[in-house]
Amino acid sequence: MRALQATAALWPPLEQAYELVHQAAHLLANHEQRCGAEVQAAYQAWLQHMAEEKGNLGRLSPAIDHFLHISDNFAPGLFQCYDVADLPRTNNDLEQCFGIVRVHERRATGRRGAVPGLVVRGAVRVVAALVTKLHPVPIRDLQVVDYQAWRRLRQQLQYRHETRRQQWRFRKNPDGYLRALEQRLLQ
């Protein structure tokens, strides 16, 4: 009982701070299914309200300052998920997407660690794994339509593959690799 009486003055600001943050979370949950611009406008207005109310929170006002600072840092990419279908809203959701790719790679190769092919062809493999999980892909969509885009993608993959090959050559024989680079430079 003495503990409750001793901390009684701390509870009202804590409850008020909780309500402010809880309302911000409610706005971001977007239960009303508003577009990104509407959510952003409502959230920015609420952040302004939080900035005005932080003076009433006493020792908790630095926590609200921190919340406002972090919200400002993440603001540029925070509202895209409301306009783009199936875009993960949180880091946990995004990490789960990449976890799906790791599981598929582990099943296909039996390797528990990073698969070197994922480094070289990661852009293609990650997108393929995520898209096929969300929507089955019909065969007609797998046919090449834009050959220029396909060639550019193949060039990027070949460039990455060559970079990996050069790294392997360097690790295998660093002196010979550097000598060959030096000779090419002097020509």
C-alpha atoms as a PDB file:
ATOM      1  CA  MET A   1       0.000   0.000   0.000  1.00  0.00           C
ATOM      2  CA  ARG A   2       2.856   2.380   0.819  1.00  0.00           C
ATOM      3  CA  ALA A   3       4.388   1.744  -2.612  1.00  0.00           C
ATOM      4  CA  LEU A   4       1.168   2.782  -4.363  1.00  0.00           C
ATOM      5  CA  GLN A   5       0.923   5.924  -2.257  1.00  0.00           C
ATOM      6  CA  ALA A   6       4.577   6.762  -2.873  1.00  0.00           C
ATOM      7  CA  THR A   7       4.204   6.418  -6.660  1.00  0.00           C
ATOM      8  CA  ALA A   8       0.702   7.877  -6.975  1.00  0.00           C
ATOM      9  CA  ALA A   9       2.015  11.117  -8.470  1.00  0.00           C
ATOM     10  CA  LEU A  10       3.826   9.231 -11.239  1.00  0.00           C
ATOM     11  CA  TRP A  11       0.745   7.422 -12.605  1.00  0.00           C
ATOM     12  CA  PRO A  12      -1.221  10.273 -14.264  1.00  0.00           C
ATOM     13  CA  PRO A  13       1.640  11.335 -16.585  1.00  0.00           C
ATOM     14  CA  LEU A  14       2.342   7.681 -17.368  1.00  0.00           C
ATOM     15  CA  GLU A  15      -1.295   7.065 -18.280  1.00  0.00           C
ATOM     16  CA  GLN A  16      -1.363  10.207 -20.414  1.00  0.00           C
ATOM     17  CA  ALA A  17       1.869   9.215 -22.239  1.00  0.00           C
ATOM     18  CA  TYR A  18       0.495   5.729 -22.796  1.00  0.00           C
ATOM     19  CA  GLU A  19      -2.689   7.151 -24.328  1.00  0.00           C
ATOM     20  CA  LEU A  20      -0.684   9.395 -26.661  1.00  0.00           C
ATOM     21  CA  VAL A  21       1.485   6.520 -27.930  1.00  0.00           C
ATOM     22  CA  HIS A  22      -1.456   4.108 -28.066  1.00  0.00           C
ATOM     23  CA  GLN A  23      -3.411   6.522 -30.276  1.00  0.00           C
ATOM     24  CA  ALA A  24      -0.385   6.854 -32.599  1.00  0.00           C
ATOM     25  CA  ALA A  25      -0.264   3.057 -32.901  1.00  0.00           C
ATOM     26  CA  HIS A  26      -4.006   3.003 -33.621  1.00  0.00           C
ATOM     27  CA  LEU A  27      -3.549   5.509 -36.447  1.00  0.00           C
ATOM     28  CA  LEU A  28      -0.767   3.416 -37.979  1.00  0.00           C
ATOM     29  CA  ALA A  29      -2.854   0.227 -37.685  1.00  0.00           C
ATOM     30  CA  ASN A  30      -5.237   1.903 -40.169  1.00  0.00           C
ATOM     31  CA  HIS A  31      -8.356  -0.055 -39.310  1.00  0.00           C
ATOM     32  CA  GLU A  32     -10.332   2.406 -41.457  1.00  0.00           C
ATOM     33  CA  GLN A  33      -8.330   1.315 -44.557  1.00  0.00           C
ATOM     34  CA  ARG A  34      -7.414   4.870 -45.562  1.00  0.00           C
ATOM     35  CA  CYS A  35      -4.823   5.656 -48.239  1.00  0.00           C
ATOM     36  CA  GLY A  36      -1.241   6.501 -47.334  1.00  0.00           C
ATOM     37  CA  ALA A  37      -1.680  10.275 -47.694  1.00  0.00           C
ATOM     38  CA  GLU A  38      -4.670  10.285 -45.327  1.00  0.00           C
ATOM     39  CA  VAL A  39      -2.864   8.148 -42.738  1.00  0.00           C
ATOM     40  CA  GLN A  40       0.189  10.379 -43.010  1.00  0.00           C
ATOM     41  CA  ALA A  41      -1.866  13.559 -42.546  1.00  0.00           C
ATOM     42  CA  ALA A  42      -3.669  12.125 -39.506  1.00  0.00           C
ATOM     43  CA  TYR A  43      -0.421  10.802 -38.023  1.00  0.00           C
ATOM     44  CA  GLN A  44       1.421  14.100 -38.532  1.00  0.00           C
ATOM     45  CA  ALA A  45      -1.456  15.958 -36.884  1.00  0.00           C
ATOM     46  CA  TRP A  46      -1.311  13.536 -33.956  1.00  0.00           C
ATOM     47  CA  LEU A  47       2.468  13.987 -33.647  1.00  0.00           C
ATOM     48  CA  GLN A  48       1.898  17.742 -33.492  1.00  0.00           C
ATOM     49  CA  HIS A  49      -0.658  17.164 -30.727  1.00  0.00           C
ATOM     50  CA  MET A  50       1.860  14.957 -28.890  1.00  0.00           C
ATOM     51  CA  ALA A  51       4.494  17.709 -29.129  1.00  0.00           C
ATOM     52  CA  GLU A  52       2.024  20.168 -27.582  1.00  0.00           C
ATOM     53  CA  GLU A  53       1.063  17.748 -24.787  1.00  0.00           C
ATOM     54  CA  LYS A  54       4.577  16.685 -23.807  1.00  0.00           C
ATOM     55  CA  GLY A  55       4.900  19.666 -21.456  1.00  0.00           C
ATOM     56  CA  ASN A  56       2.192  18.110 -19.256  1.00  0.00           C
ATOM     57  CA  LEU A  57       4.125  14.849 -18.860  1.00  0.00           C
ATOM     58  CA  GLY A  58       6.855  16.061 -16.519  1.00  0.00           C
ATOM     59  CA  ARG A  59       9.749  13.603 -16.430  1.00  0.00           C
ATOM     60  CA  LEU A  60       8.302  11.602 -19.321  1.00  0.00           C
ATOM     61  CA  SER A  61       8.621  14.446 -21.832  1.00  0.00           C
ATOM     62  CA  PRO A  62      12.063  13.202 -23.033  1.00  0.00           C
ATOM     63  CA  ALA A  63      10.400   9.888 -23.946  1.00  0.00           C
ATOM     64  CA  ILE A  64       7.898  11.740 -26.139  1.00  0.00           C
ATOM     65  CA  ASP A  65      10.780  13.743 -27.663  1.00  0.00           C
ATOM     66  CA  HIS A  66      12.459  10.449 -28.522  1.00  0.00           C
ATOM     67  CA  PHE A  67       9.231   9.067 -30.003  1.00  0.00           C
ATOM     68  CA  LEU A  68       8.817  12.197 -32.147  1.00  0.00           C
ATOM     69  CA  HIS A  69      12.453  12.033 -33.280  1.00  0.00           C
ATOM     70  CA  ILE A  70      12.204   8.372 -34.315  1.00  0.00           C
ATOM     71  CA  SER A  71       8.868   8.996 -36.062  1.00  0.00           C
ATOM     72  CA  ASP A  72      10.483  11.834 -38.001  1.00  0.00           C
ATOM     73  CA  ASN A  73      13.397   9.593 -39.033  1.00  0.00           C
ATOM     74  CA  PHE A  74      11.119   6.847 -40.342  1.00  0.00           C
ATOM     75  CA  ALA A  75       8.492   9.154 -41.877  1.00  0.00           C
ATOM     76  CA  PRO A  76       9.705   8.967 -45.517  1.00  0.00           C
ATOM     77  CA  GLY A  77       9.103   5.217 -45.786  1.00  0.00           C
ATOM     78  CA  LEU A  78       6.464   4.763 -43.143  1.00  0.00           C
ATOM     79  CA  PHE A  79       3.332   5.272 -45.227  1.00  0.00           C
ATOM     80  CA  GLN A  80       4.094   3.416 -48.470  1.00  0.00           C
ATOM     81  CA  CYS A  81       2.639   0.189 -47.102  1.00  0.00           C
ATOM     82  CA  TYR A  82      -0.855   1.706 -47.190  1.00  0.00           C
ATOM     83  CA  ASP A  83      -0.702   2.322 -50.951  1.00  0.00           C
ATOM     84  CA  VAL A  84       1.214  -0.771 -52.111  1.00  0.00           C
ATOM     85  CA  ALA A  85      -0.642  -4.049 -51.780  1.00  0.00           C
ATOM     86  CA  ASP A  86       1.137  -6.826 -49.840  1.00  0.00           C
ATOM     87  CA  LEU A  87       4.000  -4.558 -48.731  1.00  0.00           C
ATOM     88  CA  PRO A  88       4.956  -5.590 -45.179  1.00  0.00           C
ATOM     89  CA  ARG A  89       4.086  -2.948 -42.586  1.00  0.00           C
ATOM     90  CA  THR A  90       6.664  -3.833 -39.946  1.00  0.00           C
ATOM     91  CA  ASN A  91      10.264  -4.996 -39.796  1.00  0.00           C
ATOM     92  CA  ASN A  92       9.031  -8.272 -38.322  1.00  0.00           C
ATOM     93  CA  ASP A  93       6.785  -8.870 -41.342  1.00  0.00           C
ATOM     94  CA  LEU A  94       9.637  -8.000 -43.695  1.00  0.00           C
ATOM     95  CA  GLU A  95      12.023 -10.306 -41.831  1.00  0.00           C
ATOM     96  CA  GLN A  96       9.447 -13.081 -42.138  1.00  0.00           C
ATOM     97  CA  CYS A  97       9.476 -12.585 -45.909  1.00  0.00           C
ATOM     98  CA  PHE A  98      13.251 -13.007 -46.015  1.00  0.00           C
ATOM     99  CA  GLY A  99      12.922 -15.974 -43.676  1.00  0.00           C
ATOM    100  CA  ILE A 100      10.744 -17.650 -46.295  1.00  0.00           C
ATOM    101  CA  VAL A 101      13.566 -17.285 -48.809  1.00  0.00           C
ATOM    102  CA  ARG A 102      16.067 -18.772 -46.327  1.00  0.00           C
ATOM    103  CA  VAL A 103      13.773 -21.748 -45.699  1.00  0.00           C
ATOM    104  CA  HIS A 104      13.394 -22.410 -49.434  1.00  0.00           C
ATOM    105  CA  GLU A 105      17.152 -22.173 -49.942  1.00  0.00           C
ATOM    106  CA  ARG A 106      17.796 -24.519 -47.031  1.00  0.00           C
ATOM    107  CA  ARG A 107      15.311 -27.057 -48.397  1.00  0.00           C
ATOM    108  CA  ALA A 108      16.730 -26.852 -51.908  1.00  0.00           C
ATOM    109  CA  THR A 109      20.430 -26.991 -50.998  1.00  0.00           C
ATOM    110  CA  GLY A 110      20.584 -28.519 -47.530  1.00  0.00           C
ATOM    111  CA  ARG A 111      22.902 -25.698 -46.423  1.00  0.00           C
ATOM    112  CA  ARG A 112      22.185 -23.942 -43.172  1.00  0.00           C
ATOM    113  CA  GLY A 113      24.410 -20.934 -43.831  1.00  0.00           C
ATOM    114  CA  ALA A 114      24.237 -18.338 -46.561  1.00  0.00           C
ATOM    115  CA  VAL A 115      24.093 -19.795 -50.037  1.00  0.00           C
ATOM    116  CA  PRO A 116      26.633 -18.156 -52.388  1.00  0.00           C
ATOM    117  CA  GLY A 117      24.081 -18.235 -55.207  1.00  0.00           C
ATOM    118  CA  LEU A 118      21.793 -16.043 -53.143  1.00  0.00           C
ATOM    119  CA  VAL A 119      24.470 -13.351 -53.150  1.00  0.00           C
ATOM    120  CA  VAL A 120      24.839 -13.528 -56.923  1.00  0.00           C
ATOM    121  CA  ARG A 121      21.212 -14.059 -57.862  1.00  0.00           C
ATOM    122  CA  GLY A 122      19.556 -12.695 -54.744  1.00  0.00           C
ATOM    123  CA  ALA A 123      17.524 -10.020 -56.487  1.00  0.00           C
ATOM    124  CA  VAL A 124      15.866 -12.642 -58.666  1.00  0.00           C
ATOM    125  CA  ARG A 125      15.517 -15.377 -56.050  1.00  0.00           C
ATOM    126  CA  VAL A 126      14.071 -13.164 -53.333  1.00  0.00           C
ATOM    127  CA  VAL A 127      11.480 -11.645 -55.647  1.00  0.00           C
ATOM    128  CA  ALA A 128      10.567 -15.061 -57.082  1.00  0.00           C
ATOM    129  CA  ALA A 129      10.134 -16.598 -53.633  1.00  0.00           C
ATOM    130  CA  LEU A 130       8.011 -13.728 -52.350  1.00  0.00           C
ATOM    131  CA  VAL A 131       5.814 -13.445 -55.428  1.00  0.00           C
ATOM    132  CA  THR A 132       5.106 -17.163 -55.671  1.00  0.00           C
ATOM    133  CA  LYS A 133       4.131 -17.260 -52.004  1.00  0.00           C
ATOM    134  CA  LEU A 134       1.624 -14.432 -52.439  1.00  0.00           C
ATOM    135  CA  HIS A 135       0.148 -15.427 -55.811  1.00  0.00           C
ATOM    136  CA  PRO A 136       0.530 -18.550 -57.938  1.00  0.00           C
ATOM    137  CA  VAL A 137       2.281 -17.584 -61.167  1.00  0.00           C
ATOM    138  CA  PRO A 138       0.687 -18.865 -64.398  1.00  0.00           C
ATOM    139  CA  ILE A 139       3.015 -20.233 -67.090  1.00  0.00           C
ATOM    140  CA  ARG A 140       2.217 -17.426 -69.537  1.00  0.00           C
ATOM    141  CA  ASP A 141       3.654 -14.920 -67.027  1.00  0.00           C
ATOM    142  CA  LEU A 142       6.982 -16.781 -67.020  1.00  0.00           C
ATOM    143  CA  GLN A 143       7.519 -16.221 -70.731  1.00  0.00           C
ATOM    144  CA  VAL A 144       9.917 -13.421 -71.612  1.00  0.00           C
ATOM    145  CA  VAL A 145       8.072 -10.423 -73.022  1.00  0.00           C
ATOM    146  CA  ASP A 146      10.597  -7.610 -72.655  1.00  0.00           C
ATOM    147  CA  TYR A 147      13.861  -8.967 -74.024  1.00  0.00           C
ATOM    148  CA  GLN A 148      15.774  -5.757 -73.276  1.00  0.00           C
ATOM    149  CA  ALA A 149      14.872  -5.937 -69.582  1.00  0.00           C
ATOM    150  CA  TRP A 150      15.760  -9.639 -69.557  1.00  0.00           C
ATOM    151  CA  ARG A 151      19.165  -8.910 -71.136  1.00  0.00           C
ATOM    152  CA  ARG A 152      19.846  -6.127 -68.604  1.00  0.00           C
ATOM    153  CA  LEU A 153      18.983  -8.495 -65.771  1.00  0.00           C
ATOM    154  CA  ARG A 154      21.264 -11.184 -67.234  1.00  0.00           C
ATOM    155  CA  GLN A 155      24.112  -8.636 -67.506  1.00  0.00           C
ATOM    156  CA  GLN A 156      23.657  -7.648 -63.858  1.00  0.00           C
ATOM    157  CA  LEU A 157      23.735 -11.292 -62.823  1.00  0.00           C
ATOM    158  CA  GLN A 158      26.837 -11.981 -64.911  1.00  0.00           C
ATOM    159  CA  TYR A 159      28.550  -8.932 -63.403  1.00  0.00           C
ATOM    160  CA  ARG A 160      27.784 -10.158 -59.867  1.00  0.00           C
ATOM    161  CA  HIS A 161      28.920 -13.663 -60.764  1.00  0.00           C
ATOM    162  CA  GLU A 162      32.207 -12.334 -62.161  1.00  0.00           C
ATOM    163  CA  THR A 163      32.717 -10.233 -59.027  1.00  0.00           C
ATOM    164  CA  ARG A 164      32.291 -13.349 -56.878  1.00  0.00           C
ATOM    165  CA  ARG A 165      34.702 -15.261 -59.114  1.00  0.00           C
ATOM    166  CA  GLN A 166      37.306 -12.493 -58.760  1.00  0.00           C
ATOM    167  CA  GLN A 167      36.913 -12.559 -54.979  1.00  0.00           C
ATOM    168  CA  TRP A 168      37.520 -16.307 -54.998  1.00  0.00           C
ATOM    169  CA  ARG A 169      40.634 -15.862 -57.165  1.00  0.00           C
ATOM    170  CA  PHE A 170      41.944 -13.225 -54.786  1.00  0.00           C
ATOM    171  CA  ARG A 171      41.422 -15.433 -51.747  1.00  0.00           C
ATOM    172  CA  LYS A 172      43.034 -18.409 -53.496  1.00  0.00           C
ATOM    173  CA  ASN A 173      46.156 -16.546 -54.666  1.00  0.00           C
ATOM    174  CA  PRO A 174      46.339 -12.903 -53.523  1.00  0.00           C
ATOM    175  CA  ASP A 175      49.868 -12.271 -54.841  1.00  0.00           C
ATOM    176  CA  GLY A 176      49.143 -13.619 -58.324  1.00  0.00           C
ATOM    177  CA  TYR A 177      45.858 -11.743 -58.478  1.00  0.00           C
ATOM    178  CA  LEU A 178      47.502  -8.442 -57.538  1.00  0.00           C
ATOM    179  CA  ARG A 179      50.362  -9.047 -60.021  1.00  0.00           C
ATOM    180  CA  ALA A 180      47.856  -9.612 -62.825  1.00  0.00           C
ATOM    181  CA  LEU A 181      46.010  -6.418 -61.874  1.00  0.00           C
ATOM    182  CA  GLU A 182      49.279  -4.518 -61.844  1.00  0.00           C
ATOM    183  CA  GLN A 183      50.215  -5.814 -65.299  1.00  0.00           C
ATOM    184  CA  ARG A 184      46.815  -4.805 -66.688  1.00  0.00           C
ATOM    185  CA  LEU A 185      47.200  -1.371 -65.170  1.00  0.00           C
ATOM    186  CA  LEU A 186      50.658  -0.840 -66.675  1.00  0.00           C
ATOM    187  CA  GLN A 187      49.516  -1.766 -70.207  1.00  0.00           C
END
